[in-house]
């Protein structure tokens, strides 16, 4: 069951639309409204909120890129590095 879920997830990540959606989400998350929300003098565990926002967002973006590379590497549609039309 886990392997079927993993296959479905990796297959969905191959779609061009998901690449575009994650790219646009990254741009939106680095624009004024979100930066203004987290630019407060509050701190969680002594870490400023804006710094925590950037750090967690950076880690999540690395994880998403890792998932995309897994999807490309395990693509059943590719043969010798070329895709069929």
C-alpha atoms as a PDB file:
ATOM      1  CA  UNK A   1       0.000   0.000   0.000  1.00  0.00           C
ATOM      2  CA  UNK A   2       2.832   2.387   0.809  1.00  0.00           C
ATOM      3  CA  UNK A   3       4.575   1.636  -2.481  1.00  0.00           C
ATOM      4  CA  UNK A   4       1.341   2.299  -4.395  1.00  0.00           C
ATOM      5  CA  UNK A   5       0.907   5.622  -2.574  1.00  0.00           C
ATOM      6  CA  UNK A   6       4.537   6.502  -3.275  1.00  0.00           C
ATOM      7  CA  UNK A   7       4.121   5.661  -6.971  1.00  0.00           C
ATOM      8  CA  UNK A   8       0.969   7.784  -7.229  1.00  0.00           C
ATOM      9  CA  UNK A   9       2.658  10.705  -5.470  1.00  0.00           C
ATOM     10  CA  UNK A  10       5.750  10.549  -7.669  1.00  0.00           C
ATOM     11  CA  UNK A  11       3.613  10.202 -10.794  1.00  0.00           C
ATOM     12  CA  UNK A  12       1.629  13.324  -9.876  1.00  0.00           C
ATOM     13  CA  UNK A  13       4.814  15.292  -9.275  1.00  0.00           C
ATOM     14  CA  UNK A  14       5.864  14.689 -12.869  1.00  0.00           C
ATOM     15  CA  UNK A  15       3.064  16.861 -14.161  1.00  0.00           C
ATOM     16  CA  UNK A  16       4.209  20.173 -15.540  1.00  0.00           C
ATOM     17  CA  UNK A  17       1.382  21.940 -13.739  1.00  0.00           C
ATOM     18  CA  UNK A  18       2.698  20.902 -10.347  1.00  0.00           C
ATOM     19  CA  UNK A  19       6.141  22.310 -11.192  1.00  0.00           C
ATOM     20  CA  UNK A  20       4.542  25.627 -12.144  1.00  0.00           C
ATOM     21  CA  UNK A  21       2.301  25.690  -9.063  1.00  0.00           C
ATOM     22  CA  UNK A  22       5.214  25.126  -6.664  1.00  0.00           C
ATOM     23  CA  UNK A  23       7.278  27.792  -8.435  1.00  0.00           C
ATOM     24  CA  UNK A  24       4.478  30.356  -8.188  1.00  0.00           C
ATOM     25  CA  UNK A  25       3.855  29.422  -4.538  1.00  0.00           C
ATOM     26  CA  UNK A  26       7.529  30.065  -3.808  1.00  0.00           C
ATOM     27  CA  UNK A  27       7.364  33.495  -5.412  1.00  0.00           C
ATOM     28  CA  UNK A  28       4.180  34.383  -3.542  1.00  0.00           C
ATOM     29  CA  UNK A  29       5.627  33.263  -0.214  1.00  0.00           C
ATOM     30  CA  UNK A  30       8.553  35.685  -0.675  1.00  0.00           C
ATOM     31  CA  UNK A  31       6.367  38.715  -1.489  1.00  0.00           C
ATOM     32  CA  UNK A  32       5.142  41.568   0.671  1.00  0.00           C
ATOM     33  CA  UNK A  33       1.965  40.224   2.317  1.00  0.00           C
ATOM     34  CA  UNK A  34       3.587  37.096   3.724  1.00  0.00           C
ATOM     35  CA  UNK A  35       6.792  38.841   4.742  1.00  0.00           C
ATOM     36  CA  UNK A  36       4.757  41.509   6.499  1.00  0.00           C
ATOM     37  CA  UNK A  37       2.749  38.874   8.395  1.00  0.00           C
ATOM     38  CA  UNK A  38       5.895  37.258   9.792  1.00  0.00           C
ATOM     39  CA  UNK A  39       7.901  40.456  10.339  1.00  0.00           C
ATOM     40  CA  UNK A  40       6.891  40.813  13.975  1.00  0.00           C
ATOM     41  CA  UNK A  41       8.913  41.255  17.129  1.00  0.00           C
ATOM     42  CA  UNK A  42       7.539  37.950  18.454  1.00  0.00           C
ATOM     43  CA  UNK A  43       9.805  34.963  18.971  1.00  0.00           C
ATOM     44  CA  UNK A  44       9.195  31.237  19.219  1.00  0.00           C
ATOM     45  CA  UNK A  45      11.704  29.507  21.495  1.00  0.00           C
ATOM     46  CA  UNK A  46      13.880  32.612  21.273  1.00  0.00           C
ATOM     47  CA  UNK A  47      14.000  32.542  17.456  1.00  0.00           C
ATOM     48  CA  UNK A  48      12.568  35.591  15.654  1.00  0.00           C
ATOM     49  CA  UNK A  49       9.436  34.768  13.677  1.00  0.00           C
ATOM     50  CA  UNK A  50      10.750  36.015  10.309  1.00  0.00           C
ATOM     51  CA  UNK A  51      13.956  33.996  10.633  1.00  0.00           C
ATOM     52  CA  UNK A  52      11.915  30.904  11.517  1.00  0.00           C
ATOM     53  CA  UNK A  53       9.640  31.526   8.505  1.00  0.00           C
ATOM     54  CA  UNK A  54      12.622  31.657   6.142  1.00  0.00           C
ATOM     55  CA  UNK A  55      14.295  28.601   7.682  1.00  0.00           C
ATOM     56  CA  UNK A  56      11.194  26.401   7.614  1.00  0.00           C
ATOM     57  CA  UNK A  57      10.292  27.586   4.102  1.00  0.00           C
ATOM     58  CA  UNK A  58      13.810  26.789   2.921  1.00  0.00           C
ATOM     59  CA  UNK A  59      13.631  23.270   4.376  1.00  0.00           C
ATOM     60  CA  UNK A  60      10.222  22.636   2.815  1.00  0.00           C
ATOM     61  CA  UNK A  61      11.406  23.846  -0.589  1.00  0.00           C
ATOM     62  CA  UNK A  62      14.409  21.497  -0.427  1.00  0.00           C
ATOM     63  CA  UNK A  63      12.067  18.605   0.405  1.00  0.00           C
ATOM     64  CA  UNK A  64       9.794  19.460  -2.554  1.00  0.00           C
ATOM     65  CA  UNK A  65      12.799  19.599  -4.892  1.00  0.00           C
ATOM     66  CA  UNK A  66      13.893  16.212  -3.540  1.00  0.00           C
ATOM     67  CA  UNK A  67      10.448  14.782  -4.340  1.00  0.00           C
ATOM     68  CA  UNK A  68      10.659  16.192  -7.867  1.00  0.00           C
ATOM     69  CA  UNK A  69      14.059  14.593  -8.427  1.00  0.00           C
ATOM     70  CA  UNK A  70      12.683  11.252  -7.232  1.00  0.00           C
ATOM     71  CA  UNK A  71       9.799  11.604  -9.666  1.00  0.00           C
ATOM     72  CA  UNK A  72      12.156  12.277 -12.562  1.00  0.00           C
ATOM     73  CA  UNK A  73      14.516   9.450 -11.657  1.00  0.00           C
ATOM     74  CA  UNK A  74      11.753   6.844 -11.309  1.00  0.00           C
ATOM     75  CA  UNK A  75       9.767   7.874 -14.356  1.00  0.00           C
ATOM     76  CA  UNK A  76       8.338   4.798 -16.151  1.00  0.00           C
ATOM     77  CA  UNK A  77       7.731   6.905 -19.286  1.00  0.00           C
ATOM     78  CA  UNK A  78      11.402   7.566 -19.993  1.00  0.00           C
ATOM     79  CA  UNK A  79      13.580   5.287 -22.082  1.00  0.00           C
ATOM     80  CA  UNK A  80      17.305   6.041 -22.181  1.00  0.00           C
ATOM     81  CA  UNK A  81      16.729   9.610 -21.052  1.00  0.00           C
ATOM     82  CA  UNK A  82      14.289  10.541 -23.810  1.00  0.00           C
ATOM     83  CA  UNK A  83      10.546  10.822 -23.562  1.00  0.00           C
ATOM     84  CA  UNK A  84       8.166   9.502 -26.134  1.00  0.00           C
ATOM     85  CA  UNK A  85       5.724  12.080 -27.561  1.00  0.00           C
END
